[in-house]
Amino acid sequence: MFRTSVITASLILSATWAQAATPSCNDFVKSYNEYTQKVEGVLVKKHSIFEMTDWSRNSRFQGFVLTEKAPKDAEVVLEIKASSKAKMISTKTKKTSPFVQDEKYRVVGIDVQKQLGSAPQHSGSYTLKVLNSGKEICSEKKLIFDDGD
């Protein structure tokens, strides 16, 4: 009985430590949004770069960018569990392109609207992971939810 309790506690602590060992992706990945704004009567292209957020039909981010701290050959994995009954869907890419408006960033080649859905109908979650030579360097989990119209 005691031995079983010790083994169970050890497994729980190991799992907790393994989750804590993978840092968040805030240093490596950001969300972005591009928009136009009228400045002195002229439409000007602008952008915002910010920490990853939850996803809903009212989400304002268009995709993900890698920061300068991300490895040059980083692989990005997007795992989606759109509802508690849905199967996990995983998308991987090494494809990036320069972020035209700010050369410090590289746009990740994943179509967020297509992968996460433009109007979620269920609650779920997505996890974004960054890998370097097959090794996970960070993982970030966010919610997907239906916030109505």
Protein backbone atom coordinates (compact mmCIF):
# COMPACT_ATOMS: atom_id res chain seq x y z
CA MET A 1 0.00 0.00 0.00
CA PHE A 2 2.75 2.45 1.02
CA ARG A 3 4.84 1.47 -2.01
CA THR A 4 1.90 2.12 -4.36
CA SER A 5 1.35 5.54 -2.79
CA VAL A 6 5.02 6.45 -3.19
CA ILE A 7 5.06 5.32 -6.84
CA THR A 8 1.85 7.24 -7.58
CA ALA A 9 3.19 10.40 -5.93
CA SER A 10 6.45 10.04 -7.84
CA LEU A 11 4.63 9.73 -11.16
CA ILE A 12 2.49 12.78 -10.42
CA LEU A 13 5.54 14.86 -9.47
CA SER A 14 7.42 13.67 -12.57
CA ALA A 15 4.53 14.63 -14.84
CA THR A 16 4.21 18.02 -13.15
CA TRP A 17 7.94 18.65 -13.45
CA ALA A 18 7.93 17.62 -17.14
CA GLN A 19 5.15 20.11 -17.86
CA ALA A 20 6.96 22.87 -15.97
CA ALA A 21 10.25 22.08 -17.74
CA THR A 22 8.88 23.32 -21.07
CA PRO A 23 8.78 27.11 -20.93
CA SER A 24 6.01 29.20 -22.43
CA CYS A 25 6.52 30.44 -25.97
CA ASN A 26 6.30 34.17 -25.20
CA ASP A 27 9.99 34.68 -26.08
CA PHE A 28 9.78 32.72 -29.35
CA VAL A 29 6.29 33.24 -30.82
CA LYS A 30 3.88 36.16 -30.93
CA SER A 31 0.51 36.78 -32.56
CA TYR A 32 0.13 39.50 -35.15
CA ASN A 33 -2.53 41.56 -36.83
CA GLU A 34 -2.25 43.83 -39.89
CA TYR A 35 -4.68 46.66 -40.51
CA THR A 36 -5.04 49.99 -42.26
CA GLN A 37 -5.53 53.29 -40.49
CA LYS A 38 -6.26 56.73 -41.85
CA VAL A 39 -3.41 59.08 -40.92
CA GLU A 40 -3.68 62.70 -42.06
CA GLY A 41 -6.18 61.70 -44.74
CA VAL A 42 -4.05 58.83 -46.10
CA LEU A 43 -4.63 55.09 -45.52
CA VAL A 44 -1.51 53.64 -43.94
CA LYS A 45 -0.69 49.95 -43.38
CA LYS A 46 -0.04 49.22 -39.72
CA HIS A 47 0.47 46.13 -37.57
CA SER A 48 0.35 44.92 -34.00
CA ILE A 49 2.52 42.23 -32.42
CA PHE A 50 1.33 40.78 -29.10
CA GLU A 51 1.38 37.69 -26.89
CA MET A 52 -0.60 34.67 -28.06
CA THR A 53 -4.24 34.81 -27.02
CA ASP A 54 -7.30 32.59 -26.87
CA TRP A 55 -9.23 32.04 -30.11
CA SER A 56 -12.85 32.97 -30.80
CA ARG A 57 -14.92 34.44 -33.63
CA ASN A 58 -13.94 37.90 -32.32
CA SER A 59 -10.21 37.20 -32.18
CA ARG A 60 -8.16 39.87 -33.87
CA PHE A 61 -4.95 38.04 -34.63
CA GLN A 62 -4.19 36.79 -38.12
CA GLY A 63 -1.39 34.40 -37.38
CA PHE A 64 1.87 33.75 -35.59
CA VAL A 65 5.34 35.21 -36.03
CA LEU A 66 8.64 33.87 -34.76
CA THR A 67 10.82 36.32 -32.87
CA GLU A 68 14.56 36.82 -33.22
CA LYS A 69 15.06 34.42 -30.27
CA ALA A 70 13.49 31.52 -32.19
CA PRO A 71 15.98 29.21 -33.92
CA LYS A 72 16.38 29.87 -37.66
CA ASP A 73 15.31 26.31 -38.55
CA ALA A 74 12.50 26.11 -35.97
CA GLU A 75 9.55 23.84 -36.62
CA VAL A 76 6.16 25.05 -35.40
CA VAL A 77 3.46 22.58 -34.40
CA LEU A 78 -0.16 23.63 -33.95
CA GLU A 79 -2.30 21.05 -32.12
CA ILE A 80 -6.04 21.64 -32.03
CA LYS A 81 -8.70 19.95 -29.95
CA ALA A 82 -11.79 21.88 -31.08
CA SER A 83 -14.11 20.22 -28.54
CA SER A 84 -13.94 17.63 -25.80
CA LYS A 85 -15.24 14.98 -28.23
CA ALA A 86 -13.06 15.99 -31.19
CA LYS A 87 -9.85 14.25 -32.19
CA MET A 88 -6.57 16.12 -31.85
CA ILE A 89 -5.50 17.68 -35.16
CA SER A 90 -1.83 18.48 -35.59
CA THR A 91 -0.23 20.74 -38.21
CA LYS A 92 3.55 21.14 -38.55
CA THR A 93 5.57 23.59 -40.59
CA LYS A 94 9.08 24.90 -40.97
CA LYS A 95 7.82 27.34 -43.57
CA THR A 96 8.26 30.98 -42.61
CA SER A 97 8.43 34.21 -44.54
CA PRO A 98 9.79 37.61 -43.58
CA PHE A 99 7.26 39.88 -41.88
CA VAL A 100 7.30 42.74 -44.37
CA GLN A 101 6.40 45.44 -41.84
CA ASP A 102 9.02 44.42 -39.26
CA GLU A 103 12.07 42.40 -40.28
CA LYS A 104 12.67 41.20 -36.69
CA TYR A 105 9.83 38.69 -37.19
CA ARG A 106 9.14 35.72 -39.48
CA VAL A 107 5.54 34.81 -40.32
CA VAL A 108 4.73 31.16 -39.56
CA GLY A 109 3.23 29.38 -42.59
CA ILE A 110 0.03 28.24 -40.85
CA ASP A 111 -3.35 29.66 -41.88
CA VAL A 112 -4.91 30.34 -38.47
CA GLN A 113 -8.44 30.98 -39.80
CA LYS A 114 -8.39 27.69 -41.70
CA GLN A 115 -6.92 25.64 -38.86
CA LEU A 116 -8.80 27.10 -35.88
CA GLY A 117 -12.01 28.01 -37.72
CA SER A 118 -13.32 31.52 -38.23
CA ALA A 119 -16.39 30.95 -36.01
CA PRO A 120 -15.85 28.25 -33.38
CA GLN A 121 -19.02 26.40 -32.39
CA HIS A 122 -17.57 24.55 -29.37
CA SER A 123 -15.13 25.10 -26.55
CA GLY A 124 -11.72 23.54 -26.91
CA SER A 125 -8.05 24.43 -26.94
CA TYR A 126 -5.02 24.80 -29.14
CA THR A 127 -1.39 24.27 -28.29
CA LEU A 128 1.49 25.85 -30.16
CA LYS A 129 4.90 24.23 -29.84
CA VAL A 130 8.27 25.30 -31.18
CA LEU A 131 10.80 22.57 -31.93
CA ASN A 132 14.51 22.85 -32.62
CA SER A 133 16.12 19.78 -34.22
CA GLY A 134 13.12 17.72 -33.07
CA LYS A 135 13.40 18.87 -29.45
CA GLU A 136 10.55 20.89 -27.95
CA ILE A 137 11.84 24.26 -26.72
CA CYS A 138 8.47 25.71 -25.72
CA SER A 139 4.77 24.98 -25.56
CA GLU A 140 1.82 27.33 -25.10
CA LYS A 141 -1.80 26.23 -24.60
CA LYS A 142 -4.73 28.59 -25.22
CA LEU A 143 -8.52 28.24 -25.29
CA ILE A 144 -10.88 28.09 -28.23
CA PHE A 145 -14.39 29.24 -27.41
CA ASP A 146 -17.70 30.29 -28.96
CA ASP A 147 -18.31 33.86 -27.86
CA GLY A 148 -21.46 34.29 -29.96
CA ASP A 149 -22.03 37.17 -32.31
